[in-house]
Amino acid sequence: MTRLNRLQAEGFYAVHRERPFYASPVKFMSEGPTAAVALEREDAVAKLREIMGAANPASAMEGTIRRRYAESIERNCIHGSDAPETAEVELAYFFSTLDLAE
C-alpha cells in the first residue's frame, strides 16, 4: 500500500499526458491510498483485464471489479496494464527488481 503524490501520479500516467482525460486519473490516483499488486501467471495481463471489466463501469459485465466497485469511467477503481511490456514498466514504478525476484 502506498500513496502517490500528484507528481508521482503524473509520472505513472505520463504516456497519456496529451489525452483529454489525463488529469482525471492523475487526480483520482493521488487522492488516497493505492494498493500495488504484481500478479504472475500465464496470460496474467489478459486474465486481469477480463476480471477488471470495461473501463466504463456501465458497460462492464456483471461480476467484474469495475461493474461492482467503480464510480465512473474516470474513477474506475482499478488499473491494469494493457500488455506485458507495459506491465514491466508499470511494475518497475512500484517494485524493485528484488521485490519481483522469484
N, C-alpha and C. Protein backbone atom coordinates (compact mmCIF):
# COMPACT_ATOMS: atom_id res chain seq x y z
N MET A 1 0.86 -1.17 0.00
CA MET A 1 0.00 0.00 0.00
C MET A 1 0.90 1.23 0.00
N THR A 2 0.55 2.17 -0.82
CA THR A 2 1.31 3.40 -0.92
C THR A 2 0.35 4.55 -1.21
N ARG A 3 0.87 5.73 -1.15
CA ARG A 3 0.09 6.91 -1.52
C ARG A 3 0.93 7.75 -2.46
N LEU A 4 0.42 7.95 -3.66
CA LEU A 4 1.14 8.73 -4.65
C LEU A 4 0.79 10.21 -4.50
N ASN A 5 1.81 11.04 -4.60
CA ASN A 5 1.51 12.47 -4.68
C ASN A 5 1.18 12.79 -6.14
N ARG A 6 0.79 13.99 -6.41
CA ARG A 6 0.38 14.38 -7.77
C ARG A 6 1.50 14.15 -8.79
N LEU A 7 2.72 14.53 -8.44
CA LEU A 7 3.84 14.37 -9.35
C LEU A 7 4.08 12.90 -9.68
N GLN A 8 3.98 12.03 -8.71
CA GLN A 8 4.15 10.59 -8.94
C GLN A 8 3.03 10.04 -9.82
N ALA A 9 1.82 10.46 -9.57
CA ALA A 9 0.69 10.01 -10.40
C ALA A 9 0.84 10.53 -11.83
N GLU A 10 1.31 11.75 -11.98
CA GLU A 10 1.58 12.29 -13.32
C GLU A 10 2.62 11.44 -14.04
N GLY A 11 3.64 11.03 -13.32
CA GLY A 11 4.67 10.18 -13.91
C GLY A 11 4.13 8.83 -14.33
N PHE A 12 3.29 8.24 -13.49
CA PHE A 12 2.72 6.94 -13.80
C PHE A 12 1.87 7.01 -15.07
N TYR A 13 1.10 8.06 -15.23
CA TYR A 13 0.22 8.22 -16.40
C TYR A 13 0.83 9.08 -17.50
N ALA A 14 2.13 9.29 -17.48
CA ALA A 14 2.79 10.17 -18.45
C ALA A 14 2.51 9.77 -19.91
N VAL A 15 2.35 8.51 -20.16
CA VAL A 15 2.07 8.04 -21.52
C VAL A 15 0.77 8.65 -22.06
N HIS A 16 -0.12 9.07 -21.18
CA HIS A 16 -1.41 9.65 -21.57
C HIS A 16 -1.44 11.18 -21.45
N ARG A 17 -0.30 11.78 -21.22
CA ARG A 17 -0.24 13.22 -20.95
C ARG A 17 -1.00 14.08 -21.96
N GLU A 18 -0.97 13.72 -23.23
CA GLU A 18 -1.61 14.53 -24.27
C GLU A 18 -3.09 14.22 -24.47
N ARG A 19 -3.60 13.26 -23.77
CA ARG A 19 -5.01 12.87 -23.93
C ARG A 19 -5.91 13.74 -23.05
N PRO A 20 -7.13 13.98 -23.49
CA PRO A 20 -8.03 14.87 -22.74
C PRO A 20 -8.39 14.36 -21.34
N PHE A 21 -8.33 13.07 -21.12
CA PHE A 21 -8.72 12.50 -19.82
C PHE A 21 -7.57 12.44 -18.82
N TYR A 22 -6.37 12.85 -19.20
CA TYR A 22 -5.17 12.69 -18.39
C TYR A 22 -5.32 13.21 -16.95
N ALA A 23 -5.87 14.38 -16.78
CA ALA A 23 -5.95 14.99 -15.44
C ALA A 23 -6.82 14.17 -14.48
N SER A 24 -7.83 13.52 -15.00
CA SER A 24 -8.76 12.80 -14.13
C SER A 24 -8.12 11.61 -13.41
N PRO A 25 -7.45 10.68 -14.11
CA PRO A 25 -6.83 9.58 -13.36
C PRO A 25 -5.68 10.04 -12.47
N VAL A 26 -4.99 11.11 -12.88
CA VAL A 26 -3.92 11.65 -12.04
C VAL A 26 -4.52 12.14 -10.71
N LYS A 27 -5.61 12.88 -10.79
CA LYS A 27 -6.27 13.39 -9.59
C LYS A 27 -6.77 12.22 -8.73
N PHE A 28 -7.46 11.28 -9.34
CA PHE A 28 -8.03 10.14 -8.61
C PHE A 28 -6.95 9.31 -7.94
N MET A 29 -5.86 9.05 -8.66
CA MET A 29 -4.81 8.18 -8.14
C MET A 29 -4.03 8.84 -7.01
N SER A 30 -4.08 10.16 -6.93
CA SER A 30 -3.33 10.85 -5.87
C SER A 30 -4.24 11.30 -4.71
N GLU A 31 -5.50 10.93 -4.73
CA GLU A 31 -6.43 11.32 -3.68
C GLU A 31 -6.38 10.44 -2.43
N GLY A 32 -5.91 9.24 -2.58
CA GLY A 32 -5.93 8.33 -1.44
C GLY A 32 -4.94 7.20 -1.63
N PRO A 33 -5.00 6.20 -0.77
CA PRO A 33 -4.03 5.11 -0.86
C PRO A 33 -4.21 4.26 -2.11
N THR A 34 -3.12 3.67 -2.56
CA THR A 34 -3.10 2.80 -3.72
C THR A 34 -2.51 1.45 -3.29
N ALA A 35 -3.16 0.40 -3.67
CA ALA A 35 -2.63 -0.94 -3.43
C ALA A 35 -2.00 -1.42 -4.73
N ALA A 36 -0.70 -1.53 -4.74
CA ALA A 36 0.02 -2.01 -5.92
C ALA A 36 0.21 -3.52 -5.79
N VAL A 37 -0.13 -4.24 -6.84
CA VAL A 37 -0.09 -5.70 -6.82
C VAL A 37 0.62 -6.20 -8.06
N ALA A 38 1.50 -7.15 -7.88
CA ALA A 38 2.17 -7.82 -9.01
C ALA A 38 1.60 -9.22 -9.11
N LEU A 39 0.97 -9.50 -10.22
CA LEU A 39 0.38 -10.82 -10.43
C LEU A 39 1.25 -11.61 -11.39
N GLU A 40 1.36 -12.90 -11.13
CA GLU A 40 2.15 -13.75 -12.00
C GLU A 40 1.38 -15.02 -12.32
N ARG A 41 1.16 -15.22 -13.60
CA ARG A 41 0.54 -16.43 -14.12
C ARG A 41 0.60 -16.35 -15.64
N GLU A 42 0.37 -17.43 -16.30
CA GLU A 42 0.31 -17.38 -17.75
C GLU A 42 -0.86 -16.49 -18.15
N ASP A 43 -0.63 -15.61 -19.10
CA ASP A 43 -1.66 -14.67 -19.57
C ASP A 43 -2.20 -13.78 -18.46
N ALA A 44 -1.34 -13.35 -17.55
CA ALA A 44 -1.77 -12.53 -16.41
C ALA A 44 -2.44 -11.24 -16.85
N VAL A 45 -1.89 -10.59 -17.87
CA VAL A 45 -2.47 -9.31 -18.33
C VAL A 45 -3.88 -9.54 -18.85
N ALA A 46 -4.05 -10.52 -19.71
CA ALA A 46 -5.37 -10.79 -20.29
C ALA A 46 -6.37 -11.22 -19.22
N LYS A 47 -5.94 -12.05 -18.30
CA LYS A 47 -6.85 -12.53 -17.25
C LYS A 47 -7.29 -11.40 -16.32
N LEU A 48 -6.34 -10.55 -15.93
CA LEU A 48 -6.71 -9.42 -15.07
C LEU A 48 -7.67 -8.49 -15.79
N ARG A 49 -7.40 -8.20 -17.05
CA ARG A 49 -8.28 -7.30 -17.80
C ARG A 49 -9.69 -7.89 -17.92
N GLU A 50 -9.76 -9.21 -17.99
CA GLU A 50 -11.06 -9.88 -18.05
C GLU A 50 -11.85 -9.68 -16.75
N ILE A 51 -11.19 -9.84 -15.61
CA ILE A 51 -11.91 -9.70 -14.35
C ILE A 51 -12.09 -8.24 -13.92
N MET A 52 -11.26 -7.34 -14.51
CA MET A 52 -11.46 -5.91 -14.25
C MET A 52 -12.74 -5.42 -14.89
N GLY A 53 -12.99 -5.82 -16.12
CA GLY A 53 -14.14 -5.33 -16.86
C GLY A 53 -13.81 -4.07 -17.64
N ALA A 54 -14.76 -3.62 -18.43
CA ALA A 54 -14.58 -2.43 -19.26
C ALA A 54 -14.30 -1.20 -18.41
N ALA A 55 -13.56 -0.25 -18.98
CA ALA A 55 -13.21 0.98 -18.25
C ALA A 55 -14.45 1.73 -17.77
N ASN A 56 -15.49 1.71 -18.56
CA ASN A 56 -16.74 2.34 -18.18
C ASN A 56 -17.56 1.31 -17.40
N PRO A 57 -17.75 1.52 -16.11
CA PRO A 57 -18.46 0.51 -15.32
C PRO A 57 -19.88 0.23 -15.81
N ALA A 58 -20.49 1.20 -16.47
CA ALA A 58 -21.84 0.99 -17.01
C ALA A 58 -21.83 -0.04 -18.14
N SER A 59 -20.68 -0.18 -18.80
CA SER A 59 -20.54 -1.13 -19.90
C SER A 59 -19.90 -2.44 -19.47
N ALA A 60 -19.37 -2.49 -18.26
CA ALA A 60 -18.66 -3.67 -17.79
C ALA A 60 -19.65 -4.81 -17.50
N MET A 61 -19.17 -6.02 -17.71
CA MET A 61 -20.01 -7.19 -17.46
C MET A 61 -20.29 -7.35 -15.97
N GLU A 62 -21.44 -7.92 -15.66
CA GLU A 62 -21.79 -8.22 -14.28
C GLU A 62 -20.70 -9.07 -13.64
N GLY A 63 -20.41 -8.80 -12.38
CA GLY A 63 -19.43 -9.57 -11.64
C GLY A 63 -18.00 -9.10 -11.78
N THR A 64 -17.74 -8.16 -12.71
CA THR A 64 -16.37 -7.65 -12.84
C THR A 64 -16.11 -6.60 -11.76
N ILE A 65 -14.85 -6.36 -11.51
CA ILE A 65 -14.45 -5.41 -10.46
C ILE A 65 -15.03 -4.03 -10.74
N ARG A 66 -14.89 -3.56 -11.96
CA ARG A 66 -15.36 -2.21 -12.26
C ARG A 66 -16.88 -2.11 -12.21
N ARG A 67 -17.57 -3.12 -12.64
CA ARG A 67 -19.04 -3.10 -12.57
C ARG A 67 -19.50 -3.03 -11.12
N ARG A 68 -18.81 -3.74 -10.25
CA ARG A 68 -19.22 -3.81 -8.84
C ARG A 68 -18.77 -2.61 -8.02
N TYR A 69 -17.56 -2.06 -8.31
CA TYR A 69 -16.99 -1.09 -7.39
C TYR A 69 -16.66 0.29 -7.97
N ALA A 70 -16.62 0.43 -9.27
CA ALA A 70 -16.23 1.72 -9.86
C ALA A 70 -17.34 2.75 -9.75
N GLU A 71 -16.94 4.00 -9.59
CA GLU A 71 -17.90 5.10 -9.52
C GLU A 71 -18.26 5.61 -10.91
N SER A 72 -17.26 5.64 -11.81
CA SER A 72 -17.45 6.19 -13.15
C SER A 72 -16.28 5.76 -14.02
N ILE A 73 -16.33 6.13 -15.28
CA ILE A 73 -15.22 5.81 -16.18
C ILE A 73 -13.93 6.49 -15.72
N GLU A 74 -14.05 7.65 -15.10
CA GLU A 74 -12.87 8.38 -14.64
C GLU A 74 -12.42 7.95 -13.25
N ARG A 75 -13.27 7.30 -12.51
CA ARG A 75 -12.94 6.82 -11.16
C ARG A 75 -13.28 5.33 -11.12
N ASN A 76 -12.57 4.57 -11.97
CA ASN A 76 -12.97 3.19 -12.19
C ASN A 76 -12.28 2.17 -11.27
N CYS A 77 -11.68 2.60 -10.23
CA CYS A 77 -11.21 1.81 -9.08
C CYS A 77 -10.06 0.85 -9.31
N ILE A 78 -9.67 0.58 -10.55
CA ILE A 78 -8.57 -0.36 -10.77
C ILE A 78 -7.88 -0.02 -12.08
N HIS A 79 -6.57 -0.18 -12.05
CA HIS A 79 -5.77 -0.02 -13.27
C HIS A 79 -5.09 -1.35 -13.54
N GLY A 80 -5.04 -1.73 -14.77
CA GLY A 80 -4.31 -2.93 -15.17
C GLY A 80 -3.54 -2.65 -16.44
N SER A 81 -2.36 -3.17 -16.52
CA SER A 81 -1.53 -3.00 -17.71
C SER A 81 -2.24 -3.57 -18.93
N ASP A 82 -1.96 -2.98 -20.09
CA ASP A 82 -2.61 -3.45 -21.32
C ASP A 82 -1.77 -4.42 -22.13
N ALA A 83 -0.54 -4.66 -21.71
CA ALA A 83 0.36 -5.58 -22.42
C ALA A 83 1.50 -5.96 -21.48
N PRO A 84 2.14 -7.09 -21.71
CA PRO A 84 3.28 -7.48 -20.87
C PRO A 84 4.39 -6.43 -20.83
N GLU A 85 4.61 -5.75 -21.95
CA GLU A 85 5.65 -4.71 -21.99
C GLU A 85 5.28 -3.53 -21.12
N THR A 86 4.02 -3.16 -21.14
CA THR A 86 3.53 -2.07 -20.28
C THR A 86 3.60 -2.49 -18.82
N ALA A 87 3.25 -3.74 -18.56
CA ALA A 87 3.30 -4.25 -17.18
C ALA A 87 4.71 -4.16 -16.63
N GLU A 88 5.69 -4.46 -17.44
CA GLU A 88 7.08 -4.40 -16.99
C GLU A 88 7.45 -2.98 -16.54
N VAL A 89 7.05 -2.00 -17.33
CA VAL A 89 7.32 -0.59 -16.99
C VAL A 89 6.55 -0.18 -15.74
N GLU A 90 5.28 -0.55 -15.68
CA GLU A 90 4.43 -0.14 -14.56
C GLU A 90 4.83 -0.84 -13.26
N LEU A 91 5.22 -2.10 -13.34
CA LEU A 91 5.69 -2.80 -12.14
C LEU A 91 6.94 -2.13 -11.58
N ALA A 92 7.82 -1.71 -12.46
CA ALA A 92 9.06 -1.04 -12.02
C ALA A 92 8.76 0.28 -11.32
N TYR A 93 7.61 0.86 -11.60
CA TYR A 93 7.22 2.11 -10.95
C TYR A 93 6.97 1.90 -9.45
N PHE A 94 6.53 0.69 -9.08
CA PHE A 94 6.17 0.40 -7.70
C PHE A 94 7.08 -0.58 -6.99
N PHE A 95 7.75 -1.46 -7.75
CA PHE A 95 8.53 -2.54 -7.13
C PHE A 95 9.96 -2.54 -7.63
N SER A 96 10.90 -2.89 -6.75
CA SER A 96 12.28 -3.06 -7.16
C SER A 96 12.43 -4.43 -7.81
N THR A 97 13.52 -4.65 -8.51
CA THR A 97 13.77 -5.96 -9.10
C THR A 97 13.90 -7.02 -8.01
N LEU A 98 14.37 -6.65 -6.83
CA LEU A 98 14.45 -7.60 -5.72
C LEU A 98 13.05 -8.03 -5.26
N ASP A 99 12.12 -7.10 -5.26
CA ASP A 99 10.74 -7.42 -4.87
C ASP A 99 10.12 -8.43 -5.84
N LEU A 100 10.52 -8.35 -7.09
CA LEU A 100 9.91 -9.18 -8.14
C LEU A 100 10.68 -10.45 -8.43
N ALA A 101 11.79 -10.65 -7.73
CA ALA A 101 12.61 -11.85 -7.97
C ALA A 101 11.87 -13.10 -7.54
N GLU A 102 12.13 -14.15 -8.25
CA GLU A 102 11.49 -15.43 -7.91
C GLU A 102 12.23 -16.13 -6.81
